[in-house]
C-alpha atoms as a PDB file:
ATOM      1  CA  UNK A   1     -43.520  11.572  36.478  1.00  0.00           C
ATOM      2  CA  UNK A   2     -42.703   7.868  36.530  1.00  0.00           C
ATOM      3  CA  UNK A   3     -45.429   7.325  33.937  1.00  0.00           C
ATOM      4  CA  UNK A   4     -43.927   9.955  31.606  1.00  0.00           C
ATOM      5  CA  UNK A   5     -40.466   8.407  31.956  1.00  0.00           C
ATOM      6  CA  UNK A   6     -41.918   4.981  31.164  1.00  0.00           C
ATOM      7  CA  UNK A   7     -43.580   6.278  28.013  1.00  0.00           C
ATOM      8  CA  UNK A   8     -40.364   7.973  26.914  1.00  0.00           C
ATOM      9  CA  UNK A   9     -38.346   4.785  27.396  1.00  0.00           C
ATOM     10  CA  UNK A  10     -40.993   2.749  25.593  1.00  0.00           C
ATOM     11  CA  UNK A  11     -40.891   5.072  22.621  1.00  0.00           C
ATOM     12  CA  UNK A  12     -37.150   4.797  22.357  1.00  0.00           C
ATOM     13  CA  UNK A  13     -37.347   0.990  22.505  1.00  0.00           C
ATOM     14  CA  UNK A  14     -39.987   0.750  19.768  1.00  0.00           C
ATOM     15  CA  UNK A  15     -38.278   3.250  17.434  1.00  0.00           C
ATOM     16  CA  UNK A  16     -35.980   0.814  15.521  1.00  0.00           C
ATOM     17  CA  UNK A  17     -38.848  -1.606  14.866  1.00  0.00           C
ATOM     18  CA  UNK A  18     -40.689   0.817  12.556  1.00  0.00           C
ATOM     19  CA  UNK A  19     -37.706   2.540  10.951  1.00  0.00           C
ATOM     20  CA  UNK A  20     -37.758   2.349   7.070  1.00  0.00           C
ATOM     21  CA  UNK A  21     -34.970   0.108   5.640  1.00  0.00           C
ATOM     22  CA  UNK A  22     -32.109   1.802   3.889  1.00  0.00           C
ATOM     23  CA  UNK A  23     -31.738   1.403   0.122  1.00  0.00           C
ATOM     24  CA  UNK A  24     -28.430   0.750  -1.588  1.00  0.00           C
ATOM     25  CA  UNK A  25     -27.511   0.495  -5.300  1.00  0.00           C
ATOM     26  CA  UNK A  26     -25.666  -2.441  -6.828  1.00  0.00           C
ATOM     27  CA  UNK A  27     -24.241  -2.537 -10.347  1.00  0.00           C
ATOM     28  CA  UNK A  28     -24.431  -5.883 -12.154  1.00  0.00           C
ATOM     29  CA  UNK A  29     -22.298  -6.717 -15.182  1.00  0.00           C
ATOM     30  CA  UNK A  30     -23.062  -9.406 -17.730  1.00  0.00           C
ATOM     31  CA  UNK A  31     -21.440 -10.427 -20.969  1.00  0.00           C
ATOM     32  CA  UNK A  32     -23.144 -11.384 -24.213  1.00  0.00           C
ATOM     33  CA  UNK A  33     -21.071 -12.713 -27.078  1.00  0.00           C
ATOM     34  CA  UNK A  34     -21.666 -14.288 -30.443  1.00  0.00           C
ATOM     35  CA  UNK A  35     -19.457 -15.908 -33.002  1.00  0.00           C
ATOM     36  CA  UNK A  36     -20.103 -15.443 -36.694  1.00  0.00           C
ATOM     37  CA  UNK A  37     -18.380 -17.942 -38.984  1.00  0.00           C
ATOM     38  CA  UNK A  38     -18.369 -17.788 -42.768  1.00  0.00           C
ATOM     39  CA  UNK A  39     -17.412 -20.662 -45.032  1.00  0.00           C
ATOM     40  CA  UNK A  40     -17.203 -20.903 -48.796  1.00  0.00           C
ATOM     41  CA  UNK A  41     -16.472 -23.603 -51.314  1.00  0.00           C
ATOM     42  CA  UNK A  42     -13.316 -21.733 -52.227  1.00  0.00           C
ATOM     43  CA  UNK A  43     -11.831 -22.385 -48.781  1.00  0.00           C
ATOM     44  CA  UNK A  44     -12.299 -18.864 -47.463  1.00  0.00           C
ATOM     45  CA  UNK A  45     -12.943 -18.880 -43.731  1.00  0.00           C
ATOM     46  CA  UNK A  46     -13.686 -15.871 -41.579  1.00  0.00           C
ATOM     47  CA  UNK A  47     -14.675 -15.802 -37.938  1.00  0.00           C
ATOM     48  CA  UNK A  48     -15.910 -12.714 -36.162  1.00  0.00           C
ATOM     49  CA  UNK A  49     -16.366 -12.672 -32.392  1.00  0.00           C
ATOM     50  CA  UNK A  50     -17.990  -9.728 -30.656  1.00  0.00           C
ATOM     51  CA  UNK A  51     -18.372  -9.172 -26.919  1.00  0.00           C
ATOM     52  CA  UNK A  52     -20.840  -6.708 -25.492  1.00  0.00           C
ATOM     53  CA  UNK A  53     -20.842  -5.649 -21.831  1.00  0.00           C
ATOM     54  CA  UNK A  54     -24.211  -4.959 -20.353  1.00  0.00           C
ATOM     55  CA  UNK A  55     -24.378  -2.783 -17.232  1.00  0.00           C
ATOM     56  CA  UNK A  56     -27.499  -2.259 -15.196  1.00  0.00           C
ATOM     57  CA  UNK A  57     -28.221  -0.852 -11.738  1.00  0.00           C
ATOM     58  CA  UNK A  58     -30.699  -2.463  -9.376  1.00  0.00           C
ATOM     59  CA  UNK A  59     -31.892  -1.335  -5.945  1.00  0.00           C
ATOM     60  CA  UNK A  60     -31.637  -3.642  -2.909  1.00  0.00           C
ATOM     61  CA  UNK A  61     -32.717  -3.148   0.682  1.00  0.00           C
ATOM     62  CA  UNK A  62     -30.171  -3.890   3.380  1.00  0.00           C
ATOM     63  CA  UNK A  63     -32.380  -6.722   4.640  1.00  0.00           C
ATOM     64  CA  UNK A  64     -31.927  -8.654   1.292  1.00  0.00           C
ATOM     65  CA  UNK A  65     -29.002 -10.595  -0.035  1.00  0.00           C
ATOM     66  CA  UNK A  66     -28.907 -11.395  -3.780  1.00  0.00           C
ATOM     67  CA  UNK A  67     -26.329 -13.077  -5.980  1.00  0.00           C
ATOM     68  CA  UNK A  68     -26.857 -12.235  -9.646  1.00  0.00           C
ATOM     69  CA  UNK A  69     -24.960 -13.953 -12.482  1.00  0.00           C
ATOM     70  CA  UNK A  70     -26.010 -13.471 -16.101  1.00  0.00           C
ATOM     71  CA  UNK A  71     -24.137 -14.870 -19.104  1.00  0.00           C
ATOM     72  CA  UNK A  72     -25.664 -15.129 -22.567  1.00  0.00           C
ATOM     73  CA  UNK A  73     -23.720 -16.828 -25.349  1.00  0.00           C
ATOM     74  CA  UNK A  74     -25.128 -16.914 -28.866  1.00  0.00           C
ATOM     75  CA  UNK A  75     -23.345 -18.744 -31.682  1.00  0.00           C
ATOM     76  CA  UNK A  76     -24.422 -18.039 -35.242  1.00  0.00           C
ATOM     77  CA  UNK A  77     -22.962 -19.725 -38.322  1.00  0.00           C
ATOM     78  CA  UNK A  78     -23.393 -18.266 -41.801  1.00  0.00           C
ATOM     79  CA  UNK A  79     -22.547 -20.507 -44.750  1.00  0.00           C
ATOM     80  CA  UNK A  80     -21.680 -18.770 -47.988  1.00  0.00           C
ATOM     81  CA  UNK A  81     -21.928 -21.066 -51.007  1.00  0.00           C
ATOM     82  CA  UNK A  82     -20.300 -20.187 -54.304  1.00  0.00           C
ATOM     83  CA  UNK A  83     -20.479 -22.258 -57.468  1.00  0.00           C
ATOM     84  CA  UNK A  84     -17.370 -22.550 -59.616  1.00  0.00           C
ATOM     85  CA  UNK A  85     -17.736 -22.828 -63.401  1.00  0.00           C
ATOM     86  CA  UNK A  86     -17.478 -26.236 -65.037  1.00  0.00           C
ATOM     87  CA  UNK A  87     -14.170 -26.442 -66.861  1.00  0.00           C
ATOM     88  CA  UNK A  88     -13.692 -27.300 -70.495  1.00  0.00           C
ATOM     89  CA  UNK A  89     -12.632 -30.001 -71.118  1.00  0.00           C
ATOM     90  CA  UNK A  90     -15.099 -31.193 -68.524  1.00  0.00           C
ATOM     91  CA  UNK A  91     -13.730 -32.194 -65.146  1.00  0.00           C
ATOM     92  CA  UNK A  92     -16.502 -33.629 -62.977  1.00  0.00           C
ATOM     93  CA  UNK A  93     -17.334 -31.565 -59.924  1.00  0.00           C
ATOM     94  CA  UNK A  94     -20.933 -32.627 -59.746  1.00  0.00           C
ATOM     95  CA  UNK A  95     -22.290 -34.067 -56.532  1.00  0.00           C
ATOM     96  CA  UNK A  96     -19.358 -33.399 -54.222  1.00  0.00           C
ATOM     97  CA  UNK A  97     -21.181 -34.442 -51.056  1.00  0.00           C
ATOM     98  CA  UNK A  98     -22.772 -37.660 -49.949  1.00  0.00           C
ATOM     99  CA  UNK A  99     -25.635 -37.822 -49.314  1.00  0.00           C
ATOM    100  CA  UNK A 100     -26.315 -35.348 -52.087  1.00  0.00           C
ATOM    101  CA  UNK A 101     -27.436 -31.979 -50.830  1.00  0.00           C
ATOM    102  CA  UNK A 102     -27.336 -29.447 -53.658  1.00  0.00           C
ATOM    103  CA  UNK A 103     -27.561 -29.125 -57.408  1.00  0.00           C
ATOM    104  CA  UNK A 104     -24.227 -27.656 -58.397  1.00  0.00           C
ATOM    105  CA  UNK A 105     -23.925 -24.910 -61.025  1.00  0.00           C
ATOM    106  CA  UNK A 106     -27.536 -23.800 -60.566  1.00  0.00           C
ATOM    107  CA  UNK A 107     -26.854 -20.744 -62.692  1.00  0.00           C
ATOM    108  CA  UNK A 108     -25.619 -22.896 -65.619  1.00  0.00           C
ATOM    109  CA  UNK A 109     -22.088 -21.517 -65.498  1.00  0.00           C
ATOM    110  CA  UNK A 110     -19.632 -22.984 -68.000  1.00  0.00           C
ATOM    111  CA  UNK A 111     -16.272 -21.833 -69.300  1.00  0.00           C
ATOM    112  CA  UNK A 112     -17.239 -20.640 -72.756  1.00  0.00           C
ATOM    113  CA  UNK A 113     -17.802 -17.355 -74.535  1.00  0.00           C
ATOM    114  CA  UNK A 114     -20.189 -18.555 -77.209  1.00  0.00           C
ATOM    115  CA  UNK A 115     -23.601 -20.168 -77.141  1.00  0.00           C
ATOM    116  CA  UNK A 116     -23.680 -23.901 -77.667  1.00  0.00           C
ATOM    117  CA  UNK A 117     -25.466 -27.164 -76.948  1.00  0.00           C
ATOM    118  CA  UNK A 118     -25.981 -27.623 -73.221  1.00  0.00           C
ATOM    119  CA  UNK A 119     -22.980 -29.641 -71.969  1.00  0.00           C
ATOM    120  CA  UNK A 120     -24.288 -32.897 -70.518  1.00  0.00           C
ATOM    121  CA  UNK A 121     -22.570 -32.523 -67.175  1.00  0.00           C
ATOM    122  CA  UNK A 122     -24.936 -31.955 -64.287  1.00  0.00           C
ATOM    123  CA  UNK A 123     -27.821 -30.818 -66.534  1.00  0.00           C
ATOM    124  CA  UNK A 124     -28.543 -32.512 -69.856  1.00  0.00           C
ATOM    125  CA  UNK A 125     -31.250 -32.334 -72.500  1.00  0.00           C
ATOM    126  CA  UNK A 126     -32.747 -30.184 -75.256  1.00  0.00           C
ATOM    127  CA  UNK A 127     -31.233 -26.839 -74.365  1.00  0.00           C
ATOM    128  CA  UNK A 128     -28.806 -24.229 -75.681  1.00  0.00           C
ATOM    129  CA  UNK A 129     -26.440 -22.728 -73.150  1.00  0.00           C
ATOM    130  CA  UNK A 130     -25.912 -18.977 -73.516  1.00  0.00           C
ATOM    131  CA  UNK A 131     -23.254 -16.948 -71.693  1.00  0.00           C
ATOM    132  CA  UNK A 132     -25.355 -13.790 -72.007  1.00  0.00           C
ATOM    133  CA  UNK A 133     -28.699 -12.783 -73.494  1.00  0.00           C
ATOM    134  CA  UNK A 134     -27.348 -10.375 -76.092  1.00  0.00           C
ATOM    135  CA  UNK A 135     -27.965  -9.900 -79.802  1.00  0.00           C
ATOM    136  CA  UNK A 136     -24.357 -10.640 -80.712  1.00  0.00           C
ATOM    137  CA  UNK A 137     -24.641 -14.135 -79.249  1.00  0.00           C
ATOM    138  CA  UNK A 138     -28.222 -15.113 -80.116  1.00  0.00           C
ATOM    139  CA  UNK A 139     -29.554 -13.533 -83.310  1.00  0.00           C
ATOM    140  CA  UNK A 140     -32.962 -15.169 -82.857  1.00  0.00           C
ATOM    141  CA  UNK A 141     -35.027 -12.051 -82.220  1.00  0.00           C
ATOM    142  CA  UNK A 142     -35.299 -12.650 -78.462  1.00  0.00           C
ATOM    143  CA  UNK A 143     -35.478 -10.304 -75.487  1.00  0.00           C
ATOM    144  CA  UNK A 144     -31.888  -9.166 -74.916  1.00  0.00           C
ATOM    145  CA  UNK A 145     -31.558  -8.002 -71.315  1.00  0.00           C
ATOM    146  CA  UNK A 146     -27.960  -9.188 -70.731  1.00  0.00           C
ATOM    147  CA  UNK A 147     -28.929 -11.867 -68.216  1.00  0.00           C
ATOM    148  CA  UNK A 148     -25.907 -14.135 -67.880  1.00  0.00           C
ATOM    149  CA  UNK A 149     -25.526 -17.934 -68.015  1.00  0.00           C
ATOM    150  CA  UNK A 150     -28.980 -19.077 -69.102  1.00  0.00           C
ATOM    151  CA  UNK A 151     -30.380 -22.046 -70.985  1.00  0.00           C
ATOM    152  CA  UNK A 152     -32.689 -21.388 -73.938  1.00  0.00           C
ATOM    153  CA  UNK A 153     -35.350 -24.032 -74.649  1.00  0.00           C
ATOM    154  CA  UNK A 154     -37.974 -24.359 -77.402  1.00  0.00           C
ATOM    155  CA  UNK A 155     -40.600 -27.125 -77.707  1.00  0.00           C
ATOM    156  CA  UNK A 156     -39.748 -29.748 -80.317  1.00  0.00           C
ATOM    157  CA  UNK A 157     -43.231 -29.561 -81.840  1.00  0.00           C
ATOM    158  CA  UNK A 158     -46.747 -28.458 -80.982  1.00  0.00           C
ATOM    159  CA  UNK A 159     -47.261 -31.695 -79.043  1.00  0.00           C
ATOM    160  CA  UNK A 160     -43.721 -32.632 -78.037  1.00  0.00           C
ATOM    161  CA  UNK A 161     -41.977 -30.745 -75.251  1.00  0.00           C
ATOM    162  CA  UNK A 162     -38.275 -30.025 -74.927  1.00  0.00           C
ATOM    163  CA  UNK A 163     -36.650 -31.233 -71.711  1.00  0.00           C
ATOM    164  CA  UNK A 164     -33.630 -30.609 -69.571  1.00  0.00           C
ATOM    165  CA  UNK A 165     -33.005 -32.854 -66.596  1.00  0.00           C
ATOM    166  CA  UNK A 166     -30.657 -33.829 -63.803  1.00  0.00           C
ATOM    167  CA  UNK A 167     -30.319 -36.996 -61.710  1.00  0.00           C
ATOM    168  CA  UNK A 168     -30.698 -36.551 -57.965  1.00  0.00           C
ATOM    169  CA  UNK A 169     -30.793 -38.917 -54.986  1.00  0.00           C
ATOM    170  CA  UNK A 170     -33.651 -38.713 -52.513  1.00  0.00           C
ATOM    171  CA  UNK A 171     -33.798 -39.377 -48.778  1.00  0.00           C
ATOM    172  CA  UNK A 172     -37.401 -38.981 -47.682  1.00  0.00           C
ATOM    173  CA  UNK A 173     -36.416 -37.949 -44.142  1.00  0.00           C
ATOM    174  CA  UNK A 174     -34.922 -34.719 -45.516  1.00  0.00           C
ATOM    175  CA  UNK A 175     -36.627 -31.490 -46.508  1.00  0.00           C
ATOM    176  CA  UNK A 176     -36.383 -30.470 -50.193  1.00  0.00           C
ATOM    177  CA  UNK A 177     -36.890 -26.915 -51.454  1.00  0.00           C
ATOM    178  CA  UNK A 178     -36.779 -26.123 -55.172  1.00  0.00           C
ATOM    179  CA  UNK A 179     -36.385 -22.642 -56.650  1.00  0.00           C
ATOM    180  CA  UNK A 180     -36.462 -21.616 -60.320  1.00  0.00           C
ATOM    181  CA  UNK A 181     -36.205 -18.340 -62.260  1.00  0.00           C
ATOM    182  CA  UNK A 182     -37.526 -18.379 -65.820  1.00  0.00           C
ATOM    183  CA  UNK A 183     -39.332 -16.388 -68.495  1.00  0.00           C
ATOM    184  CA  UNK A 184     -40.621 -16.477 -72.041  1.00  0.00           C
ATOM    185  CA  UNK A 185     -38.053 -14.499 -74.052  1.00  0.00           C
ATOM    186  CA  UNK A 186     -39.864 -14.121 -77.391  1.00  0.00           C
ATOM    187  CA  UNK A 187     -39.471 -10.537 -78.585  1.00  0.00           C
ATOM    188  CA  UNK A 188     -43.106  -9.749 -79.321  1.00  0.00           C
ATOM    189  CA  UNK A 189     -44.660  -6.263 -79.491  1.00  0.00           C
ATOM    190  CA  UNK A 190     -46.724  -5.553 -76.346  1.00  0.00           C
ATOM    191  CA  UNK A 191     -49.886  -5.168 -78.420  1.00  0.00           C
ATOM    192  CA  UNK A 192     -49.377  -8.545 -80.117  1.00  0.00           C
ATOM    193  CA  UNK A 193     -52.142 -10.888 -78.958  1.00  0.00           C
ATOM    194  CA  UNK A 194     -50.877 -14.127 -80.550  1.00  0.00           C
ATOM    195  CA  UNK A 195     -47.135 -14.223 -79.801  1.00  0.00           C
ATOM    196  CA  UNK A 196     -44.983 -15.019 -76.788  1.00  0.00           C
ATOM    197  CA  UNK A 197     -46.222 -17.633 -74.340  1.00  0.00           C
ATOM    198  CA  UNK A 198     -45.182 -21.140 -73.329  1.00  0.00           C
ATOM    199  CA  UNK A 199     -45.856 -23.726 -70.632  1.00  0.00           C
ATOM    200  CA  UNK A 200     -43.186 -24.720 -68.109  1.00  0.00           C
ATOM    201  CA  UNK A 201     -43.654 -27.998 -66.218  1.00  0.00           C
ATOM    202  CA  UNK A 202     -41.517 -29.015 -63.243  1.00  0.00           C
ATOM    203  CA  UNK A 203     -41.592 -32.636 -62.161  1.00  0.00           C
ATOM    204  CA  UNK A 204     -39.753 -35.552 -60.587  1.00  0.00           C
ATOM    205  CA  UNK A 205     -39.543 -38.799 -62.531  1.00  0.00           C
ATOM    206  CA  UNK A 206     -38.483 -42.135 -61.049  1.00  0.00           C
ATOM    207  CA  UNK A 207     -39.256 -44.812 -63.655  1.00  0.00           C
ATOM    208  CA  UNK A 208     -40.865 -46.891 -60.885  1.00  0.00           C
ATOM    209  CA  UNK A 209     -43.987 -44.860 -60.222  1.00  0.00           C
ATOM    210  CA  UNK A 210     -45.992 -42.075 -61.790  1.00  0.00           C
ATOM    211  CA  UNK A 211     -44.166 -38.798 -62.338  1.00  0.00           C
ATOM    212  CA  UNK A 212     -44.571 -36.220 -59.586  1.00  0.00           C
ATOM    213  CA  UNK A 213     -45.716 -32.905 -61.061  1.00  0.00           C
ATOM    214  CA  UNK A 214     -44.384 -30.053 -58.954  1.00  0.00           C
ATOM    215  CA  UNK A 215     -45.729 -27.074 -60.898  1.00  0.00           C
ATOM    216  CA  UNK A 216     -47.198 -26.044 -64.256  1.00  0.00           C
ATOM    217  CA  UNK A 217     -46.622 -22.402 -65.166  1.00  0.00           C
ATOM    218  CA  UNK A 218     -47.740 -20.273 -68.099  1.00  0.00           C
ATOM    219  CA  UNK A 219     -44.900 -17.946 -69.086  1.00  0.00           C
ATOM    220  CA  UNK A 220     -45.905 -14.672 -70.733  1.00  0.00           C
ATOM    221  CA  UNK A 221     -43.152 -12.657 -72.375  1.00  0.00           C
ATOM    222  CA  UNK A 222     -44.851  -9.423 -71.283  1.00  0.00           C
ATOM    223  CA  UNK A 223     -44.533 -10.393 -67.597  1.00  0.00           C
ATOM    224  CA  UNK A 224     -40.761 -10.807 -67.709  1.00  0.00           C
ATOM    225  CA  UNK A 225     -38.812 -12.997 -65.311  1.00  0.00           C
ATOM    226  CA  UNK A 226     -40.651 -14.929 -62.626  1.00  0.00           C
ATOM    227  CA  UNK A 227     -39.161 -16.673 -59.597  1.00  0.00           C
ATOM    228  CA  UNK A 228     -40.959 -19.492 -57.829  1.00  0.00           C
ATOM    229  CA  UNK A 229     -40.022 -21.541 -54.749  1.00  0.00           C
ATOM    230  CA  UNK A 230     -41.581 -24.910 -53.907  1.00  0.00           C
ATOM    231  CA  UNK A 231     -41.264 -27.111 -50.830  1.00  0.00           C
ATOM    232  CA  UNK A 232     -41.518 -30.554 -52.447  1.00  0.00           C
ATOM    233  CA  UNK A 233     -40.998 -32.579 -49.265  1.00  0.00           C
ATOM    234  CA  UNK A 234     -44.605 -33.771 -48.938  1.00  0.00           C
ATOM    235  CA  UNK A 235     -44.786 -34.668 -52.629  1.00  0.00           C
ATOM    236  CA  UNK A 236     -41.760 -36.930 -52.160  1.00  0.00           C
ATOM    237  CA  UNK A 237     -43.177 -38.560 -49.030  1.00  0.00           C
ATOM    238  CA  UNK A 238     -46.490 -39.304 -50.755  1.00  0.00           C
ATOM    239  CA  UNK A 239     -44.748 -41.152 -53.599  1.00  0.00           C
ATOM    240  CA  UNK A 240     -44.779 -44.920 -53.073  1.00  0.00           C
ATOM    241  CA  UNK A 241     -41.240 -45.377 -54.401  1.00  0.00           C
ATOM    242  CA  UNK A 242     -39.471 -42.331 -52.937  1.00  0.00           C
ATOM    243  CA  UNK A 243     -41.180 -42.542 -49.548  1.00  0.00           C
ATOM    244  CA  UNK A 244     -39.232 -45.742 -48.836  1.00  0.00           C
ATOM    245  CA  UNK A 245     -35.934 -43.859 -49.174  1.00  0.00           C
ATOM    246  CA  UNK A 246     -35.157 -43.704 -45.456  1.00  0.00           C
ATOM    247  CA  UNK A 247     -32.118 -45.885 -44.816  1.00  0.00           C
ATOM    248  CA  UNK A 248     -30.958 -45.753 -48.435  1.00  0.00           C
ATOM    249  CA  UNK A 249     -31.101 -43.170 -51.207  1.00  0.00           C
ATOM    250  CA  UNK A 250     -33.508 -43.502 -54.118  1.00  0.00           C
ATOM    251  CA  UNK A 251     -32.706 -42.137 -57.573  1.00  0.00           C
ATOM    252  CA  UNK A 252     -35.007 -39.651 -59.252  1.00  0.00           C
ATOM    253  CA  UNK A 253     -34.758 -37.234 -62.176  1.00  0.00           C
ATOM    254  CA  UNK A 254     -35.568 -33.550 -61.798  1.00  0.00           C
ATOM    255  CA  UNK A 255     -37.162 -32.581 -65.132  1.00  0.00           C
ATOM    256  CA  UNK A 256     -38.014 -29.221 -66.695  1.00  0.00           C
ATOM    257  CA  UNK A 257     -40.337 -29.433 -69.699  1.00  0.00           C
ATOM    258  CA  UNK A 258     -41.249 -26.616 -72.078  1.00  0.00           C
ATOM    259  CA  UNK A 259     -44.501 -27.093 -73.979  1.00  0.00           C
ATOM    260  CA  UNK A 260     -46.237 -25.085 -76.663  1.00  0.00           C
ATOM    261  CA  UNK A 261     -49.461 -23.567 -75.408  1.00  0.00           C
ATOM    262  CA  UNK A 262     -50.950 -20.796 -73.387  1.00  0.00           C
ATOM    263  CA  UNK A 263     -53.759 -18.299 -74.019  1.00  0.00           C
ATOM    264  CA  UNK A 264     -52.239 -17.132 -77.322  1.00  0.00           C
ATOM    265  CA  UNK A 265     -50.996 -19.025 -80.388  1.00  0.00           C
ATOM    266  CA  UNK A 266     -49.728 -22.584 -79.814  1.00  0.00           C
ATOM    267  CA  UNK A 267     -46.799 -22.142 -82.173  1.00  0.00           C
ATOM    268  CA  UNK A 268     -45.597 -18.560 -82.158  1.00  0.00           C
ATOM    269  CA  UNK A 269     -42.957 -17.347 -79.730  1.00  0.00           C
ATOM    270  CA  UNK A 270     -42.377 -20.361 -77.423  1.00  0.00           C
ATOM    271  CA  UNK A 271     -38.759 -19.404 -76.695  1.00  0.00           C
ATOM    272  CA  UNK A 272     -38.120 -19.940 -72.983  1.00  0.00           C
ATOM    273  CA  UNK A 273     -35.093 -19.080 -70.845  1.00  0.00           C
ATOM    274  CA  UNK A 274     -34.121 -20.707 -67.540  1.00  0.00           C
ATOM    275  CA  UNK A 275     -31.877 -18.456 -65.466  1.00  0.00           C
ATOM    276  CA  UNK A 276     -31.204 -20.863 -62.597  1.00  0.00           C
ATOM    277  CA  UNK A 277     -32.529 -23.875 -60.709  1.00  0.00           C
ATOM    278  CA  UNK A 278     -31.682 -24.434 -57.057  1.00  0.00           C
ATOM    279  CA  UNK A 279     -32.427 -27.493 -54.984  1.00  0.00           C
ATOM    280  CA  UNK A 280     -31.692 -27.211 -51.260  1.00  0.00           C
ATOM    281  CA  UNK A 281     -31.764 -30.234 -48.953  1.00  0.00           C
ATOM    282  CA  UNK A 282     -32.002 -29.877 -45.191  1.00  0.00           C
END
């Protein structure tokens, strides 16, 4: 009898040691927010802040103690750049930042309703500025697709290119990305095998070293508009003159040349249109 009582007491004493722990639920709150800021060159500012509450439930045993704090803050800035037209008479707005970071008026926007010689403001050279590719403005027998604010270029001869150009300042520690949209706009029948091609050459010239050729493109009127983007940073850093532009800026000229040539006739339908040129510096 004493033995049975001892076993009963022992069982009662050992019971709490093997009992499964209780489980409780805890709700944890965290906040994630981001700020979205928009700027423009026309002094329009807009800030949007959003806050999102995140709720989750986790399971804890009564033998654990946990302190959970979670805060995520993300800030995102969006810069919206708009390019105002150049006024007539010309009021300089070209290169408004120092060091120079962008080519202004990349879409060749000017205050005019008629085609005319390219105003020598930011871009200069052998080009005709056109407010719109339409027959009423350019009766040359071109492709009229109503593209706005373009520059029309034609080689000066079979062996002499036409050029448009712009001065820029280079800092070789920066990253330079160039983008261009262009096409041959000769209005040639699709079956015509001799008409409607030209050569577009992009390059940097310094006057102190050999020119840096960025790209050489054959433009075929049947292929329409093409857009190309080039990271020219390494080309700049390999140039003996521009590579030294670390503590000071070095001048260079961004040049677009239009040559006669291509797989078809060398002198039949070399009309070339440049829609825009963008140079971004980071």
